PDB file of N, CA and C in Angstrom:
ATOM      1  N   UNK A   1       0.767   7.150 -89.982  1.00  0.00           N
ATOM      2  CA  UNK A   1       1.777   7.906 -90.683  1.00  0.00           C
ATOM      3  C   UNK A   1       3.093   7.758 -89.944  1.00  0.00           C
ATOM      4  N   UNK A   2       4.100   7.251 -90.612  1.00  0.00           N
ATOM      5  CA  UNK A   2       5.411   7.077 -90.009  1.00  0.00           C
ATOM      6  C   UNK A   2       6.384   8.010 -90.695  1.00  0.00           C
ATOM      7  N   UNK A   3       6.834   8.988 -89.939  1.00  0.00           N
ATOM      8  CA  UNK A   3       7.859   9.879 -90.441  1.00  0.00           C
ATOM      9  C   UNK A   3       9.003   9.902 -89.449  1.00  0.00           C
ATOM     10  N   UNK A   4      10.141  10.301 -89.906  1.00  0.00           N
ATOM     11  CA  UNK A   4      11.354  10.282 -89.107  1.00  0.00           C
ATOM     12  C   UNK A   4      11.966  11.683 -89.126  1.00  0.00           C
ATOM     13  N   UNK A   5      12.524  12.092 -88.000  1.00  0.00           N
ATOM     14  CA  UNK A   5      13.303  13.332 -87.928  1.00  0.00           C
ATOM     15  C   UNK A   5      14.752  12.880 -87.914  1.00  0.00           C
ATOM     16  N   UNK A   6      15.458  13.157 -89.013  1.00  0.00           N
ATOM     17  CA  UNK A   6      16.786  12.573 -89.156  1.00  0.00           C
ATOM     18  C   UNK A   6      16.618  11.064 -89.188  1.00  0.00           C
ATOM     19  N   UNK A   7      17.242  10.398 -88.268  1.00  0.00           N
ATOM     20  CA  UNK A   7      17.089   8.942 -88.173  1.00  0.00           C
ATOM     21  C   UNK A   7      16.236   8.531 -86.981  1.00  0.00           C
ATOM     22  N   UNK A   8      15.587   9.495 -86.339  1.00  0.00           N
ATOM     23  CA  UNK A   8      14.845   9.232 -85.103  1.00  0.00           C
ATOM     24  C   UNK A   8      13.340   9.312 -85.292  1.00  0.00           C
ATOM     25  N   UNK A   9      12.618   8.328 -84.749  1.00  0.00           N
ATOM     26  CA  UNK A   9      11.167   8.407 -84.686  1.00  0.00           C
ATOM     27  C   UNK A   9      10.798   9.384 -83.570  1.00  0.00           C
ATOM     28  N   UNK A  10       9.694  10.102 -83.759  1.00  0.00           N
ATOM     29  CA  UNK A  10       9.165  10.989 -82.728  1.00  0.00           C
ATOM     30  C   UNK A  10       7.930  10.325 -82.147  1.00  0.00           C
ATOM     31  N   UNK A  11       7.926  10.136 -80.830  1.00  0.00           N
ATOM     32  CA  UNK A  11       6.843   9.439 -80.149  1.00  0.00           C
ATOM     33  C   UNK A  11       6.247  10.362 -79.090  1.00  0.00           C
ATOM     34  N   UNK A  12       4.929  10.506 -79.099  1.00  0.00           N
ATOM     35  CA  UNK A  12       4.215  11.276 -78.082  1.00  0.00           C
ATOM     36  C   UNK A  12       3.536  10.297 -77.136  1.00  0.00           C
ATOM     37  N   UNK A  13       3.835  10.427 -75.839  1.00  0.00           N
ATOM     38  CA  UNK A  13       3.220   9.562 -74.841  1.00  0.00           C
ATOM     39  C   UNK A  13       1.934  10.195 -74.345  1.00  0.00           C
ATOM     40  N   UNK A  14       0.862   9.415 -74.288  1.00  0.00           N
ATOM     41  CA  UNK A  14      -0.432   9.879 -73.802  1.00  0.00           C
ATOM     42  C   UNK A  14      -0.923   8.896 -72.749  1.00  0.00           C
ATOM     43  N   UNK A  15      -1.676   9.408 -71.798  1.00  0.00           N
ATOM     44  CA  UNK A  15      -2.241   8.558 -70.765  1.00  0.00           C
ATOM     45  C   UNK A  15      -2.479   9.352 -69.499  1.00  0.00           C
ATOM     46  N   UNK A  16      -2.874   8.684 -68.452  1.00  0.00           N
ATOM     47  CA  UNK A  16      -3.200   9.342 -67.188  1.00  0.00           C
ATOM     48  C   UNK A  16      -1.938   9.707 -66.418  1.00  0.00           C
ATOM     49  N   UNK A  17      -1.935  10.926 -65.862  1.00  0.00           N
ATOM     50  CA  UNK A  17      -0.793  11.368 -65.064  1.00  0.00           C
ATOM     51  C   UNK A  17      -0.734  10.663 -63.704  1.00  0.00           C
ATOM     52  N   UNK A  18      -1.697   9.805 -63.412  1.00  0.00           N
ATOM     53  CA  UNK A  18      -1.632   9.016 -62.172  1.00  0.00           C
ATOM     54  C   UNK A  18      -0.466   8.047 -62.201  1.00  0.00           C
ATOM     55  N   UNK A  19       0.029   7.727 -63.391  1.00  0.00           N
ATOM     56  CA  UNK A  19       1.046   6.695 -63.530  1.00  0.00           C
ATOM     57  C   UNK A  19       2.400   7.293 -63.884  1.00  0.00           C
ATOM     58  N   UNK A  20       2.857   8.231 -63.064  1.00  0.00           N
ATOM     59  CA  UNK A  20       4.116   8.950 -63.291  1.00  0.00           C
ATOM     60  C   UNK A  20       5.291   7.992 -63.478  1.00  0.00           C
ATOM     61  N   UNK A  21       5.416   7.003 -62.591  1.00  0.00           N
ATOM     62  CA  UNK A  21       6.544   6.078 -62.687  1.00  0.00           C
ATOM     63  C   UNK A  21       6.550   5.336 -64.019  1.00  0.00           C
ATOM     64  N   UNK A  22       5.381   4.931 -64.493  1.00  0.00           N
ATOM     65  CA  UNK A  22       5.296   4.225 -65.774  1.00  0.00           C
ATOM     66  C   UNK A  22       5.671   5.151 -66.930  1.00  0.00           C
ATOM     67  N   UNK A  23       5.229   6.417 -66.855  1.00  0.00           N
ATOM     68  CA  UNK A  23       5.622   7.385 -67.884  1.00  0.00           C
ATOM     69  C   UNK A  23       7.135   7.562 -67.913  1.00  0.00           C
ATOM     70  N   UNK A  24       7.730   7.730 -66.728  1.00  0.00           N
ATOM     71  CA  UNK A  24       9.169   7.957 -66.666  1.00  0.00           C
ATOM     72  C   UNK A  24       9.943   6.746 -67.192  1.00  0.00           C
ATOM     73  N   UNK A  25       9.463   5.543 -66.864  1.00  0.00           N
ATOM     74  CA  UNK A  25      10.111   4.333 -67.357  1.00  0.00           C
ATOM     75  C   UNK A  25       9.994   4.247 -68.878  1.00  0.00           C
ATOM     76  N   UNK A  26       8.802   4.523 -69.400  1.00  0.00           N
ATOM     77  CA  UNK A  26       8.590   4.460 -70.849  1.00  0.00           C
ATOM     78  C   UNK A  26       9.431   5.511 -71.565  1.00  0.00           C
ATOM     79  N   UNK A  27       9.469   6.724 -71.012  1.00  0.00           N
ATOM     80  CA  UNK A  27      10.270   7.789 -71.628  1.00  0.00           C
ATOM     81  C   UNK A  27      11.744   7.413 -71.665  1.00  0.00           C
ATOM     82  N   UNK A  28      12.244   6.884 -70.564  1.00  0.00           N
ATOM     83  CA  UNK A  28      13.655   6.475 -70.504  1.00  0.00           C
ATOM     84  C   UNK A  28      13.946   5.364 -71.514  1.00  0.00           C
ATOM     85  N   UNK A  29      13.099   4.326 -71.512  1.00  0.00           N
ATOM     86  CA  UNK A  29      13.311   3.190 -72.412  1.00  0.00           C
ATOM     87  C   UNK A  29      13.266   3.617 -73.877  1.00  0.00           C
ATOM     88  N   UNK A  30      12.239   4.390 -74.232  1.00  0.00           N
ATOM     89  CA  UNK A  30      12.094   4.826 -75.620  1.00  0.00           C
ATOM     90  C   UNK A  30      13.235   5.739 -76.052  1.00  0.00           C
ATOM     91  N   UNK A  31      13.699   6.588 -75.144  1.00  0.00           N
ATOM     92  CA  UNK A  31      14.840   7.459 -75.455  1.00  0.00           C
ATOM     93  C   UNK A  31      16.093   6.625 -75.694  1.00  0.00           C
ATOM     94  N   UNK A  32      16.342   5.653 -74.829  1.00  0.00           N
ATOM     95  CA  UNK A  32      17.523   4.798 -74.995  1.00  0.00           C
ATOM     96  C   UNK A  32      17.450   3.933 -76.247  1.00  0.00           C
ATOM     97  N   UNK A  33      16.231   3.702 -76.744  1.00  0.00           N
ATOM     98  CA  UNK A  33      16.055   2.965 -77.994  1.00  0.00           C
ATOM     99  C   UNK A  33      16.257   3.863 -79.209  1.00  0.00           C
ATOM    100  N   UNK A  34      16.547   5.159 -78.991  1.00  0.00           N
ATOM    101  CA  UNK A  34      16.839   6.059 -80.099  1.00  0.00           C
ATOM    102  C   UNK A  34      15.650   6.833 -80.629  1.00  0.00           C
ATOM    103  N   UNK A  35      14.653   7.077 -79.792  1.00  0.00           N
ATOM    104  CA  UNK A  35      13.475   7.839 -80.192  1.00  0.00           C
ATOM    105  C   UNK A  35      13.485   9.221 -79.557  1.00  0.00           C
ATOM    106  N   UNK A  36      12.864  10.180 -80.225  1.00  0.00           N
ATOM    107  CA  UNK A  36      12.588  11.485 -79.640  1.00  0.00           C
ATOM    108  C   UNK A  36      11.242  11.355 -78.956  1.00  0.00           C
ATOM    109  N   UNK A  37      11.170  11.673 -77.658  1.00  0.00           N
ATOM    110  CA  UNK A  37       9.959  11.431 -76.871  1.00  0.00           C
ATOM    111  C   UNK A  37       9.357  12.758 -76.408  1.00  0.00           C
ATOM    112  N   UNK A  38       8.075  12.957 -76.744  1.00  0.00           N
ATOM    113  CA  UNK A  38       7.290  14.081 -76.234  1.00  0.00           C
ATOM    114  C   UNK A  38       6.384  13.492 -75.170  1.00  0.00           C
ATOM    115  N   UNK A  39       6.449  14.041 -73.938  1.00  0.00           N
ATOM    116  CA  UNK A  39       5.735  13.411 -72.828  1.00  0.00           C
ATOM    117  C   UNK A  39       5.028  14.434 -71.968  1.00  0.00           C
ATOM    118  N   UNK A  40       4.498  13.957 -70.873  1.00  0.00           N
ATOM    119  CA  UNK A  40       3.805  14.780 -69.886  1.00  0.00           C
ATOM    120  C   UNK A  40       4.828  15.674 -69.179  1.00  0.00           C
ATOM    121  N   UNK A  41       4.453  16.954 -68.966  1.00  0.00           N
ATOM    122  CA  UNK A  41       5.354  17.880 -68.287  1.00  0.00           C
ATOM    123  C   UNK A  41       5.138  17.941 -66.789  1.00  0.00           C
ATOM    124  N   UNK A  42       3.897  17.766 -66.345  1.00  0.00           N
ATOM    125  CA  UNK A  42       3.550  17.774 -64.921  1.00  0.00           C
ATOM    126  C   UNK A  42       2.602  16.627 -64.644  1.00  0.00           C
ATOM    127  N   UNK A  43       2.644  16.128 -63.427  1.00  0.00           N
ATOM    128  CA  UNK A  43       1.841  14.979 -63.031  1.00  0.00           C
ATOM    129  C   UNK A  43       0.934  15.371 -61.872  1.00  0.00           C
ATOM    130  N   UNK A  44      -0.207  15.981 -62.200  1.00  0.00           N
ATOM    131  CA  UNK A  44      -1.129  16.469 -61.184  1.00  0.00           C
ATOM    132  C   UNK A  44      -1.676  15.385 -60.282  1.00  0.00           C
ATOM    133  N   UNK A  45      -1.877  14.201 -60.815  1.00  0.00           N
ATOM    134  CA  UNK A  45      -2.394  13.094 -60.002  1.00  0.00           C
ATOM    135  C   UNK A  45      -1.284  12.395 -59.233  1.00  0.00           C
ATOM    136  N   UNK A  46      -0.054  12.863 -59.391  1.00  0.00           N
ATOM    137  CA  UNK A  46       1.081  12.239 -58.706  1.00  0.00           C
ATOM    138  C   UNK A  46       1.887  13.256 -57.909  1.00  0.00           C
ATOM    139  N   UNK A  47       1.236  14.351 -57.524  1.00  0.00           N
ATOM    140  CA  UNK A  47       1.890  15.264 -56.595  1.00  0.00           C
ATOM    141  C   UNK A  47       2.320  16.616 -57.113  1.00  0.00           C
ATOM    142  N   UNK A  48       2.238  16.869 -58.410  1.00  0.00           N
ATOM    143  CA  UNK A  48       2.597  18.193 -58.937  1.00  0.00           C
ATOM    144  C   UNK A  48       1.411  19.137 -58.745  1.00  0.00           C
ATOM    145  N   UNK A  49       1.311  19.733 -57.567  1.00  0.00           N
ATOM    146  CA  UNK A  49       0.150  20.543 -57.192  1.00  0.00           C
ATOM    147  C   UNK A  49      -0.015  21.816 -58.020  1.00  0.00           C
ATOM    148  N   UNK A  50       1.035  22.256 -58.705  1.00  0.00           N
ATOM    149  CA  UNK A  50       0.925  23.442 -59.559  1.00  0.00           C
ATOM    150  C   UNK A  50      -0.148  23.272 -60.634  1.00  0.00           C
ATOM    151  N   UNK A  51      -0.424  22.031 -61.000  1.00  0.00           N
ATOM    152  CA  UNK A  51      -1.425  21.730 -62.029  1.00  0.00           C
ATOM    153  C   UNK A  51      -2.779  22.313 -61.659  1.00  0.00           C
ATOM    154  N   UNK A  52      -3.075  22.361 -60.379  1.00  0.00           N
ATOM    155  CA  UNK A  52      -4.413  22.712 -59.925  1.00  0.00           C
ATOM    156  C   UNK A  52      -4.602  24.207 -59.687  1.00  0.00           C
ATOM    157  N   UNK A  53      -3.599  25.043 -59.979  1.00  0.00           N
ATOM    158  CA  UNK A  53      -3.785  26.488 -59.840  1.00  0.00           C
ATOM    159  C   UNK A  53      -4.654  27.002 -60.983  1.00  0.00           C
ATOM    160  N   UNK A  54      -5.309  28.128 -60.745  1.00  0.00           N
ATOM    161  CA  UNK A  54      -6.277  28.670 -61.700  1.00  0.00           C
ATOM    162  C   UNK A  54      -5.678  28.828 -63.092  1.00  0.00           C
ATOM    163  N   UNK A  55      -6.326  28.221 -64.068  1.00  0.00           N
ATOM    164  CA  UNK A  55      -5.932  28.332 -65.461  1.00  0.00           C
ATOM    165  C   UNK A  55      -4.864  27.348 -65.914  1.00  0.00           C
ATOM    166  N   UNK A  56      -4.132  26.766 -64.971  1.00  0.00           N
ATOM    167  CA  UNK A  56      -3.017  25.894 -65.349  1.00  0.00           C
ATOM    168  C   UNK A  56      -3.493  24.587 -65.963  1.00  0.00           C
ATOM    169  N   UNK A  57      -4.489  23.936 -65.363  1.00  0.00           N
ATOM    170  CA  UNK A  57      -4.996  22.661 -65.895  1.00  0.00           C
ATOM    171  C   UNK A  57      -5.507  22.838 -67.316  1.00  0.00           C
ATOM    172  N   UNK A  58      -6.235  23.908 -67.556  1.00  0.00           N
ATOM    173  CA  UNK A  58      -6.753  24.169 -68.899  1.00  0.00           C
ATOM    174  C   UNK A  58      -5.613  24.388 -69.887  1.00  0.00           C
ATOM    175  N   UNK A  59      -4.580  25.132 -69.462  1.00  0.00           N
ATOM    176  CA  UNK A  59      -3.421  25.370 -70.323  1.00  0.00           C
ATOM    177  C   UNK A  59      -2.721  24.058 -70.640  1.00  0.00           C
ATOM    178  N   UNK A  60      -2.505  23.226 -69.622  1.00  0.00           N
ATOM    179  CA  UNK A  60      -1.823  21.952 -69.838  1.00  0.00           C
ATOM    180  C   UNK A  60      -2.621  21.023 -70.744  1.00  0.00           C
ATOM    181  N   UNK A  61      -3.943  21.009 -70.584  1.00  0.00           N
ATOM    182  CA  UNK A  61      -4.784  20.198 -71.473  1.00  0.00           C
ATOM    183  C   UNK A  61      -4.653  20.666 -72.919  1.00  0.00           C
ATOM    184  N   UNK A  62      -4.644  21.991 -73.130  1.00  0.00           N
ATOM    185  CA  UNK A  62      -4.483  22.525 -74.479  1.00  0.00           C
ATOM    186  C   UNK A  62      -3.092  22.212 -75.024  1.00  0.00           C
ATOM    187  N   UNK A  63      -2.067  22.339 -74.178  1.00  0.00           N
ATOM    188  CA  UNK A  63      -0.703  22.014 -74.613  1.00  0.00           C
ATOM    189  C   UNK A  63      -0.604  20.550 -75.028  1.00  0.00           C
ATOM    190  N   UNK A  64      -1.288  19.676 -74.302  1.00  0.00           N
ATOM    191  CA  UNK A  64      -1.285  18.258 -74.643  1.00  0.00           C
ATOM    192  C   UNK A  64      -1.835  18.056 -76.058  1.00  0.00           C
ATOM    193  N   UNK A  65      -2.926  18.738 -76.364  1.00  0.00           N
ATOM    194  CA  UNK A  65      -3.505  18.640 -77.715  1.00  0.00           C
ATOM    195  C   UNK A  65      -2.546  19.182 -78.765  1.00  0.00           C
ATOM    196  N   UNK A  66      -1.823  20.248 -78.442  1.00  0.00           N
ATOM    197  CA  UNK A  66      -0.875  20.800 -79.401  1.00  0.00           C
ATOM    198  C   UNK A  66       0.306  19.862 -79.603  1.00  0.00           C
ATOM    199  N   UNK A  67       0.737  19.152 -78.551  1.00  0.00           N
ATOM    200  CA  UNK A  67       1.797  18.150 -78.710  1.00  0.00           C
ATOM    201  C   UNK A  67       1.356  17.083 -79.701  1.00  0.00           C
ATOM    202  N   UNK A  68       0.096  16.696 -79.598  1.00  0.00           N
ATOM    203  CA  UNK A  68      -0.431  15.697 -80.530  1.00  0.00           C
ATOM    204  C   UNK A  68      -0.492  16.272 -81.938  1.00  0.00           C
ATOM    205  N   UNK A  69      -0.845  17.552 -82.053  1.00  0.00           N
ATOM    206  CA  UNK A  69      -0.888  18.189 -83.370  1.00  0.00           C
ATOM    207  C   UNK A  69       0.473  18.152 -84.055  1.00  0.00           C
ATOM    208  N   UNK A  70       1.555  18.297 -83.292  1.00  0.00           N
ATOM    209  CA  UNK A  70       2.882  18.336 -83.910  1.00  0.00           C
ATOM    210  C   UNK A  70       3.538  16.959 -83.987  1.00  0.00           C
ATOM    211  N   UNK A  71       2.836  15.970 -83.567  1.00  0.00           N
ATOM    212  CA  UNK A  71       3.418  14.632 -83.558  1.00  0.00           C
ATOM    213  C   UNK A  71       3.715  14.147 -84.969  1.00  0.00           C
ATOM    214  N   UNK A  72       4.692  13.297 -85.026  1.00  0.00           N
ATOM    215  CA  UNK A  72       4.966  12.581 -86.267  1.00  0.00           C
ATOM    216  C   UNK A  72       4.597  11.110 -86.116  1.00  0.00           C
ATOM    217  N   UNK A  73       4.655  10.643 -84.903  1.00  0.00           N
ATOM    218  CA  UNK A  73       4.285   9.264 -84.612  1.00  0.00           C
ATOM    219  C   UNK A  73       3.699   9.258 -83.209  1.00  0.00           C
ATOM    220  N   UNK A  74       2.513   8.713 -83.064  1.00  0.00           N
ATOM    221  CA  UNK A  74       1.895   8.630 -81.746  1.00  0.00           C
ATOM    222  C   UNK A  74       2.055   7.209 -81.230  1.00  0.00           C
ATOM    223  N   UNK A  75       2.575   7.120 -80.056  1.00  0.00           N
ATOM    224  CA  UNK A  75       2.560   5.859 -79.342  1.00  0.00           C
ATOM    225  C   UNK A  75       1.656   6.094 -78.147  1.00  0.00           C
ATOM    226  N   UNK A  76       0.416   5.744 -78.308  1.00  0.00           N
ATOM    227  CA  UNK A  76      -0.542   6.008 -77.247  1.00  0.00           C
ATOM    228  C   UNK A  76      -0.308   5.029 -76.111  1.00  0.00           C
ATOM    229  N   UNK A  77      -0.068   5.560 -74.950  1.00  0.00           N
ATOM    230  CA  UNK A  77       0.227   4.729 -73.799  1.00  0.00           C
ATOM    231  C   UNK A  77      -1.036   4.507 -72.982  1.00  0.00           C
ATOM    232  N   UNK A  78      -1.487   3.291 -72.936  1.00  0.00           N
ATOM    233  CA  UNK A  78      -2.530   2.909 -72.005  1.00  0.00           C
ATOM    234  C   UNK A  78      -1.764   2.389 -70.797  1.00  0.00           C
ATOM    235  N   UNK A  79      -1.558   3.265 -69.850  1.00  0.00           N
ATOM    236  CA  UNK A  79      -0.656   2.949 -68.751  1.00  0.00           C
ATOM    237  C   UNK A  79      -1.458   2.571 -67.513  1.00  0.00           C
ATOM    238  N   UNK A  80      -1.097   1.438 -66.956  1.00  0.00           N
ATOM    239  CA  UNK A  80      -1.602   1.027 -65.655  1.00  0.00           C
ATOM    240  C   UNK A  80      -0.375   0.733 -64.806  1.00  0.00           C
ATOM    241  N   UNK A  81      -0.583   0.499 -63.557  1.00  0.00           N
ATOM    242  CA  UNK A  81       0.551   0.238 -62.674  1.00  0.00           C
ATOM    243  C   UNK A  81       1.334  -1.000 -63.116  1.00  0.00           C
ATOM    244  N   UNK A  82       0.670  -1.947 -63.776  1.00  0.00           N
ATOM    245  CA  UNK A  82       1.319  -3.209 -64.118  1.00  0.00           C
ATOM    246  C   UNK A  82       1.679  -3.350 -65.588  1.00  0.00           C
ATOM    247  N   UNK A  83       1.175  -2.478 -66.466  1.00  0.00           N
ATOM    248  CA  UNK A  83       1.295  -2.755 -67.899  1.00  0.00           C
ATOM    249  C   UNK A  83       1.395  -1.463 -68.698  1.00  0.00           C
ATOM    250  N   UNK A  84       2.213  -1.471 -69.717  1.00  0.00           N
ATOM    251  CA  UNK A  84       2.238  -0.398 -70.700  1.00  0.00           C
ATOM    252  C   UNK A  84       1.928  -1.036 -72.044  1.00  0.00           C
ATOM    253  N   UNK A  85       0.863  -0.571 -72.683  1.00  0.00           N
ATOM    254  CA  UNK A  85       0.414  -1.116 -73.951  1.00  0.00           C
ATOM    255  C   UNK A  85       0.563  -0.033 -75.003  1.00  0.00           C
ATOM    256  N   UNK A  86       1.552  -0.153 -75.866  1.00  0.00           N
ATOM    257  CA  UNK A  86       1.800   0.869 -76.896  1.00  0.00           C
ATOM    258  C   UNK A  86       1.047   0.504 -78.168  1.00  0.00           C
ATOM    259  N   UNK A  87       0.300   1.471 -78.677  1.00  0.00           N
ATOM    260  CA  UNK A  87      -0.397   1.297 -79.943  1.00  0.00           C
ATOM    261  C   UNK A  87      -0.105   2.516 -80.799  1.00  0.00           C
ATOM    262  N   UNK A  88       0.054   2.289 -82.086  1.00  0.00           N
ATOM    263  CA  UNK A  88       0.450   3.383 -82.950  1.00  0.00           C
ATOM    264  C   UNK A  88      -0.157   3.201 -84.314  1.00  0.00           C
ATOM    265  N   UNK A  89      -0.591   4.228 -85.013  1.00  0.00           N
ATOM    266  CA  UNK A  89      -0.887   5.570 -84.523  1.00  0.00           C
ATOM    267  C   UNK A  89      -2.331   5.669 -84.042  1.00  0.00           C
ATOM    268  N   UNK A  90      -2.568   6.370 -82.980  1.00  0.00           N
ATOM    269  CA  UNK A  90      -3.891   6.639 -82.427  1.00  0.00           C
ATOM    270  C   UNK A  90      -3.950   8.061 -81.925  1.00  0.00           C
ATOM    271  N   UNK A  91      -5.110   8.594 -81.792  1.00  0.00           N
ATOM    272  CA  UNK A  91      -5.446   9.868 -81.153  1.00  0.00           C
ATOM    273  C   UNK A  91      -5.823  10.925 -82.188  1.00  0.00           C
ATOM    274  N   UNK A  92      -6.797  11.726 -81.838  1.00  0.00           N
ATOM    275  CA  UNK A  92      -7.202  12.819 -82.706  1.00  0.00           C
ATOM    276  C   UNK A  92      -7.246  14.087 -81.923  1.00  0.00           C
TER     277      UNK A  92
END
């Protein structure tokens, strides 16, 4: 399903928080290309220790699912240190 908000595509980034730098690069690139980007808020596997406090991980996991629920276009990021593979639309 491809829908647009105004003239902008909405893209939700998904993948492991271990790859913070790749997420930040993808978010920057996609934003500069004229997209609205919904992304990860905290990177528990990359040093954001607040993720591991009681109840926070569960809340963030649920928020991630809600971001997907409100998506208009999913660009699922299979992120590794060397590669970003965007596929659209994916995720349930």
